[in-house]
Amino acid sequence: MERIILDCDPGMDDSVAILLACSDPDIRLEAVTAVNGNYPVETTCKNARKILELIGRTDIPVAMGMSHPMVRKSPKDPFSHGSDGQAEAFLPEPSMPVMEAHAVEVIRDVVSKNPGEITIVATGPMSNIGMAISLYPDLIGKIKRIVAISGAFGLNAASFLNATGDTPQSEWNVYVDPEAARLVYGSGIPLKLIGLDIATDFGVDFNDDQILRLRASANPGARFLDKAVSFVQSRGFSSYCAVIDAIAVAYVIDDSLISFSGYHVGVDIRDGLTLGMTVRDGRHHFVWKDLPLVDIAVGADYARFLELVISSLA
């Protein structure tokens, strides 16, 4: 049994990540912690509750977290998830309550009560996590690991062509709060970072048969994903946009889906062309060993990932 906190900023693909986490019997979703990112935190928190109510999982607590990055103003996402933040699905307004505790306190409490047992799956900016380990540094040795959609490491063309931040070579989650990412990268917590290189690879694209299976399903999660895929395709994007964040949950379900290698990585926090850029030092010689050594995704079985998503939801 994998026990996780899903720290996210829904967003359509975060919503699919929640659906996937709830679909697997071997995952225990302890809490969903919302953060500012794709949309203001009030919206991301509301969308998390909407998607949980859609599938009848109101037993999973949702906490509202950081409303802004740790030290800077929040940028506006250049990619739209729709006016509702969920691919124009226009799900009903949620009735389930928000936890009274701030998401940072929820992370502290869940991890502290279960040292070494909680994986944090981070699919949004790392503001909540960065603040948690800043306020409570003892958490660093208690978090089992962090599996994150984070960074763009220049491993392939997708890393550059599909840049999601608002600079030419940045990934959105890091770009929003580069200081938080830099802090978490250097914390010593075991990290599995899935960058745009893997999460937006051109192999992440549903085929016609898989789309038909979604549309034939009575499962509300399948209907939501079908809506999200149609939404992004109607705007000229490939279907990977609807499942970027889901690949982090998929790795927790089946760790054979993605391969990782260790690299020294730095995060640029300077304003300008390279803000939020994640610099991977992969040299044979003269490596900057003062940069944190982290595990970044270098390959994935996309066919099995897509089939996992379809079979779980449809």
Protein backbone atom coordinates (compact mmCIF):
# COMPACT_ATOMS: atom_id res chain seq x y z
CA MET A 1 0.00 0.00 0.00
CA GLU A 2 1.40 3.37 -1.06
CA ARG A 3 0.32 6.23 1.19
CA ILE A 4 0.45 9.57 -0.57
CA ILE A 5 -0.33 13.25 -0.27
CA LEU A 6 -1.22 14.72 -3.66
CA ASP A 7 -0.01 18.33 -3.72
CA CYS A 8 -1.55 19.90 -6.80
CA ASP A 9 -3.01 22.89 -8.64
CA PRO A 10 -6.03 21.58 -10.63
CA GLY A 11 -5.96 22.16 -13.69
CA MET A 12 -7.32 19.46 -15.93
CA ASP A 13 -4.26 17.20 -15.78
CA ASP A 14 -4.05 17.48 -11.99
CA SER A 15 -7.71 16.48 -11.96
CA VAL A 16 -6.87 13.38 -14.00
CA ALA A 17 -4.03 12.66 -11.56
CA ILE A 18 -6.55 12.71 -8.71
CA LEU A 19 -8.84 10.38 -10.66
CA LEU A 20 -5.97 7.95 -11.28
CA ALA A 21 -4.85 7.97 -7.65
CA CYS A 22 -8.39 7.23 -6.50
CA SER A 23 -8.79 4.39 -9.00
CA ASP A 24 -5.98 2.22 -7.67
CA PRO A 25 -6.70 -0.04 -4.68
CA ASP A 26 -3.04 -0.04 -3.66
CA ILE A 27 -2.89 3.73 -3.17
CA ARG A 28 -4.15 5.35 -0.01
CA LEU A 29 -4.69 9.03 -0.70
CA GLU A 30 -4.24 10.64 2.72
CA ALA A 31 -5.01 14.19 1.58
CA VAL A 32 -5.13 16.51 -1.39
CA THR A 33 -3.31 19.77 -0.75
CA ALA A 34 -4.07 22.59 -3.17
CA VAL A 35 -1.57 25.25 -4.17
CA ASN A 36 -1.52 28.35 -6.35
CA GLY A 37 -0.32 27.52 -9.85
CA ASN A 38 -2.44 26.96 -12.92
CA TYR A 39 -5.08 29.10 -11.19
CA PRO A 40 -5.40 30.94 -7.86
CA VAL A 41 -5.49 28.59 -4.89
CA GLU A 42 -9.20 29.25 -4.27
CA THR A 43 -9.90 27.80 -7.73
CA THR A 44 -7.48 24.89 -7.48
CA CYS A 45 -8.91 23.94 -4.07
CA LYS A 46 -12.44 24.11 -5.44
CA ASN A 47 -11.51 22.04 -8.49
CA ALA A 48 -9.93 19.35 -6.32
CA ARG A 49 -13.20 19.03 -4.41
CA LYS A 50 -15.24 19.05 -7.63
CA ILE A 51 -13.33 16.10 -9.05
CA LEU A 52 -13.54 14.13 -5.79
CA GLU A 53 -17.28 14.71 -5.60
CA LEU A 54 -17.60 13.60 -9.24
CA ILE A 55 -16.39 10.13 -8.26
CA GLY A 56 -17.92 10.01 -4.78
CA ARG A 57 -14.67 10.28 -2.82
CA THR A 58 -15.64 12.95 -0.34
CA ASP A 59 -13.85 10.92 2.33
CA ILE A 60 -10.53 12.31 1.11
CA PRO A 61 -9.71 15.59 2.89
CA VAL A 62 -8.75 18.67 0.87
CA ALA A 63 -6.67 21.51 2.30
CA MET A 64 -6.02 24.96 0.85
CA GLY A 65 -2.39 26.00 0.72
CA MET A 66 -0.11 28.75 -0.48
CA SER A 67 -1.83 31.54 -2.41
CA HIS A 68 1.42 32.82 -3.90
CA PRO A 69 5.04 31.72 -4.44
CA MET A 70 7.40 31.85 -1.49
CA VAL A 71 9.15 35.13 -2.38
CA ARG A 72 7.68 36.53 -5.61
CA LYS A 73 4.44 37.42 -7.33
CA SER A 74 2.55 34.73 -9.16
CA PRO A 75 2.71 34.74 -12.98
CA LYS A 76 -0.24 34.08 -15.27
CA ASP A 77 -0.29 30.68 -16.94
CA PRO A 78 0.03 31.10 -20.73
CA PHE A 79 -1.81 27.78 -21.22
CA SER A 80 -5.52 27.84 -20.48
CA HIS A 81 -7.27 24.91 -18.86
CA GLY A 82 -10.57 26.59 -19.68
CA SER A 83 -12.67 29.17 -17.91
CA ASP A 84 -13.40 26.67 -15.13
CA GLY A 85 -9.87 25.31 -14.99
CA GLN A 86 -11.14 21.85 -15.93
CA ALA A 87 -11.44 21.82 -19.72
CA GLU A 88 -14.86 23.48 -19.74
CA ALA A 89 -16.36 20.46 -17.95
CA PHE A 90 -18.32 22.84 -15.70
CA LEU A 91 -18.68 20.35 -12.87
CA PRO A 92 -21.18 21.27 -10.11
CA GLU A 93 -20.00 23.55 -7.33
CA PRO A 94 -18.61 21.38 -4.52
CA SER A 95 -20.40 20.94 -1.20
CA MET A 96 -17.67 19.06 0.67
CA PRO A 97 -15.82 21.26 3.16
CA VAL A 98 -12.24 22.46 3.02
CA MET A 99 -10.07 21.43 5.96
CA GLU A 100 -9.65 24.16 8.57
CA ALA A 101 -5.89 23.56 8.68
CA HIS A 102 -3.61 25.14 6.08
CA ALA A 103 -2.09 22.68 3.59
CA VAL A 104 1.39 23.30 5.03
CA GLU A 105 0.14 22.19 8.45
CA VAL A 106 -1.60 19.18 6.92
CA ILE A 107 1.64 18.10 5.26
CA ARG A 108 3.42 18.52 8.60
CA ASP A 109 0.82 16.57 10.54
CA VAL A 110 0.41 13.65 8.13
CA VAL A 111 4.17 13.20 7.64
CA SER A 112 5.02 13.64 11.33
CA LYS A 113 2.47 11.02 12.38
CA ASN A 114 3.72 8.57 9.75
CA PRO A 115 7.50 9.07 9.44
CA GLY A 116 9.05 7.32 6.46
CA GLU A 117 5.67 6.19 5.11
CA ILE A 118 4.33 9.16 3.11
CA THR A 119 5.16 9.86 -0.51
CA ILE A 120 4.32 13.37 -1.66
CA VAL A 121 3.22 13.45 -5.29
CA ALA A 122 3.76 17.04 -6.40
CA THR A 123 2.02 18.08 -9.60
CA GLY A 124 2.02 21.83 -8.99
CA PRO A 125 4.54 24.44 -7.88
CA MET A 126 6.48 23.37 -4.79
CA SER A 127 5.35 26.33 -2.65
CA ASN A 128 3.50 24.20 -0.06
CA ILE A 129 6.37 21.74 0.27
CA GLY A 130 9.03 24.42 0.34
CA MET A 131 7.21 26.31 3.07
CA ALA A 132 6.62 23.12 5.06
CA ILE A 133 10.29 22.15 5.18
CA SER A 134 11.30 25.77 5.85
CA LEU A 135 9.02 26.01 8.88
CA TYR A 136 9.52 22.41 10.02
CA PRO A 137 12.97 21.23 8.88
CA ASP A 138 12.60 17.97 10.81
CA LEU A 139 10.17 16.87 8.08
CA ILE A 140 13.08 16.45 5.70
CA GLY A 141 14.08 13.14 7.27
CA LYS A 142 10.49 11.94 7.61
CA ILE A 143 9.19 12.26 4.03
CA LYS A 144 9.59 8.93 2.26
CA ARG A 145 10.13 10.57 -1.13
CA ILE A 146 8.75 13.20 -3.46
CA VAL A 147 7.60 12.24 -6.95
CA ALA A 148 7.15 15.45 -8.90
CA ILE A 149 6.26 16.84 -12.28
CA SER A 150 9.12 19.30 -12.24
CA GLY A 151 11.72 20.67 -14.61
CA ALA A 152 12.82 20.44 -18.22
CA PHE A 153 16.22 18.82 -18.52
CA GLY A 154 17.04 19.00 -22.23
CA LEU A 155 16.98 15.27 -22.89
CA ASN A 156 14.98 15.50 -26.11
CA ALA A 157 13.09 17.87 -28.41
CA ALA A 158 9.96 17.77 -26.26
CA SER A 159 11.86 19.44 -23.42
CA PHE A 160 12.16 22.59 -25.51
CA LEU A 161 9.23 22.44 -27.94
CA ASN A 162 6.72 21.80 -25.15
CA ALA A 163 8.06 24.28 -22.60
CA THR A 164 5.16 25.13 -20.29
CA GLY A 165 6.65 28.03 -18.37
CA ASP A 166 6.68 31.57 -19.70
CA THR A 167 10.34 31.46 -20.72
CA PRO A 168 11.71 29.44 -23.66
CA GLN A 169 13.25 26.65 -21.57
CA SER A 170 11.22 26.42 -18.39
CA GLU A 171 8.60 24.09 -16.95
CA TRP A 172 5.57 25.76 -15.38
CA ASN A 173 5.75 24.34 -11.86
CA VAL A 174 9.37 25.45 -11.45
CA TYR A 175 8.80 28.76 -13.24
CA VAL A 176 5.99 29.75 -10.86
CA ASP A 177 8.09 29.26 -7.74
CA PRO A 178 11.74 28.66 -8.61
CA GLU A 179 12.87 29.47 -5.08
CA ALA A 180 10.68 26.69 -3.68
CA ALA A 181 11.93 24.24 -6.30
CA ARG A 182 15.53 25.16 -5.56
CA LEU A 183 14.92 24.63 -1.85
CA VAL A 184 13.27 21.24 -2.30
CA TYR A 185 15.85 20.05 -4.85
CA GLY A 186 18.59 20.80 -2.34
CA SER A 187 16.80 19.47 0.73
CA GLY A 188 18.15 15.94 0.66
CA ILE A 189 14.65 14.43 0.45
CA PRO A 190 14.69 11.52 -2.03
CA LEU A 191 13.37 13.01 -5.28
CA LYS A 192 12.01 11.51 -8.47
CA LEU A 193 11.66 14.40 -10.91
CA ILE A 194 9.64 13.82 -14.08
CA GLY A 195 10.41 16.64 -16.47
CA LEU A 196 8.79 17.78 -19.68
CA ASP A 197 11.26 15.52 -21.49
CA ILE A 198 9.22 12.52 -20.34
CA ALA A 199 5.80 13.91 -19.35
CA THR A 200 5.22 15.66 -22.70
CA ASP A 201 7.08 13.29 -25.01
CA PHE A 202 5.45 12.95 -28.40
CA GLY A 203 4.76 9.28 -27.62
CA VAL A 204 2.15 10.36 -25.06
CA ASP A 205 -0.86 10.38 -27.36
CA PHE A 206 -4.03 8.29 -27.12
CA ASN A 207 -4.97 6.28 -30.19
CA ASP A 208 -8.45 6.16 -31.71
CA ASP A 209 -9.31 2.86 -30.03
CA GLN A 210 -8.45 4.24 -26.59
CA ILE A 211 -10.56 7.33 -27.20
CA LEU A 212 -13.49 5.13 -28.23
CA ARG A 213 -13.09 3.13 -25.01
CA LEU A 214 -13.26 6.34 -23.00
CA ARG A 215 -16.39 7.46 -24.82
CA ALA A 216 -18.08 4.10 -24.38
CA SER A 217 -17.50 4.10 -20.62
CA ALA A 218 -20.12 5.10 -18.08
CA ASN A 219 -17.37 5.96 -15.59
CA PRO A 220 -17.49 9.69 -14.78
CA GLY A 221 -13.70 9.79 -14.66
CA ALA A 222 -13.51 8.46 -18.20
CA ARG A 223 -16.00 11.06 -19.34
CA PHE A 224 -13.96 13.80 -17.72
CA LEU A 225 -10.76 12.64 -19.43
CA ASP A 226 -12.55 12.39 -22.79
CA LYS A 227 -13.72 15.97 -22.34
CA ALA A 228 -10.20 17.11 -21.47
CA VAL A 229 -8.67 15.38 -24.50
CA SER A 230 -11.29 16.90 -26.81
CA PHE A 231 -10.69 20.32 -25.26
CA VAL A 232 -6.93 20.32 -25.84
CA GLN A 233 -7.21 18.85 -29.32
CA SER A 234 -9.73 21.51 -30.32
CA ARG A 235 -7.09 24.10 -29.43
CA GLY A 236 -4.36 22.48 -31.50
CA PHE A 237 -2.58 20.59 -28.73
CA SER A 238 -1.89 16.87 -28.46
CA SER A 239 -3.65 14.70 -25.89
CA TYR A 240 -0.57 14.58 -23.65
CA CYS A 241 -1.73 17.93 -22.21
CA ALA A 242 -4.60 16.16 -20.46
CA VAL A 243 -2.40 13.64 -18.65
CA ILE A 244 0.90 15.39 -17.90
CA ASP A 245 0.43 15.18 -14.14
CA ALA A 246 -1.08 11.70 -14.22
CA ILE A 247 2.27 10.16 -15.13
CA ALA A 248 3.59 10.97 -11.64
CA VAL A 249 0.75 8.98 -10.07
CA ALA A 250 1.24 6.22 -12.64
CA TYR A 251 4.86 5.87 -11.53
CA VAL A 252 3.74 5.42 -7.92
CA ILE A 253 1.33 2.72 -9.09
CA ASP A 254 3.94 0.96 -11.25
CA ASP A 255 7.56 2.03 -10.81
CA SER A 256 8.65 0.00 -13.84
CA LEU A 257 6.98 2.55 -16.12
CA ILE A 258 9.75 5.14 -15.81
CA SER A 259 13.54 4.89 -15.62
CA PHE A 260 15.64 7.46 -13.76
CA SER A 261 19.26 8.56 -13.63
CA GLY A 262 21.05 10.73 -11.12
CA TYR A 263 22.25 14.16 -12.22
CA HIS A 264 23.43 17.32 -10.53
CA VAL A 265 20.72 19.91 -11.17
CA GLY A 266 20.44 23.62 -10.47
CA VAL A 267 17.44 25.97 -10.66
CA ASP A 268 17.91 29.47 -12.06
CA ILE A 269 16.14 32.04 -9.88
CA ARG A 270 17.29 35.12 -11.82
CA ASP A 271 14.62 37.18 -13.55
CA GLY A 272 14.85 37.19 -17.33
CA LEU A 273 15.26 34.69 -20.14
CA THR A 274 16.32 31.77 -17.94
CA LEU A 275 14.05 32.21 -14.91
CA GLY A 276 12.96 28.76 -13.77
CA MET A 277 15.34 26.92 -16.04
CA THR A 278 16.54 23.60 -14.58
CA VAL A 279 20.18 23.09 -15.54
CA ARG A 280 21.31 19.46 -15.72
CA ASP A 281 25.04 18.84 -15.37
CA GLY A 282 25.65 15.62 -17.27
CA ARG A 283 29.31 16.10 -18.11
CA HIS A 284 31.97 13.41 -17.82
CA HIS A 285 34.42 15.91 -16.34
CA PHE A 286 34.36 19.16 -14.35
CA VAL A 287 30.89 18.45 -12.94
CA TRP A 288 29.49 21.08 -10.57
CA LYS A 289 29.13 18.74 -7.63
CA ASP A 290 27.92 21.53 -5.39
CA LEU A 291 24.58 21.30 -7.24
CA PRO A 292 22.06 18.87 -5.70
CA LEU A 293 22.23 15.29 -6.98
CA VAL A 294 18.68 14.24 -7.88
CA ASP A 295 17.00 11.49 -9.88
CA ILE A 296 15.44 12.69 -13.12
CA ALA A 297 13.30 10.65 -15.49
CA VAL A 298 15.16 9.62 -18.63
CA GLY A 299 12.75 7.14 -20.24
CA ALA A 300 9.23 5.77 -20.01
CA ASP A 301 6.99 3.10 -21.46
CA TYR A 302 4.33 5.40 -22.90
CA ALA A 303 2.17 2.63 -24.34
CA ARG A 304 1.82 1.02 -20.90
CA PHE A 305 1.25 4.39 -19.24
CA LEU A 306 -1.59 5.29 -21.60
CA GLU A 307 -3.12 1.84 -21.23
CA LEU A 308 -2.92 2.14 -17.44
CA VAL A 309 -4.83 5.42 -17.57
CA ILE A 310 -7.49 4.07 -19.93
CA SER A 311 -7.98 0.75 -18.11
CA SER A 312 -8.14 2.50 -14.73
CA LEU A 313 -10.69 5.11 -15.76
CA ALA A 314 -12.70 3.37 -18.43
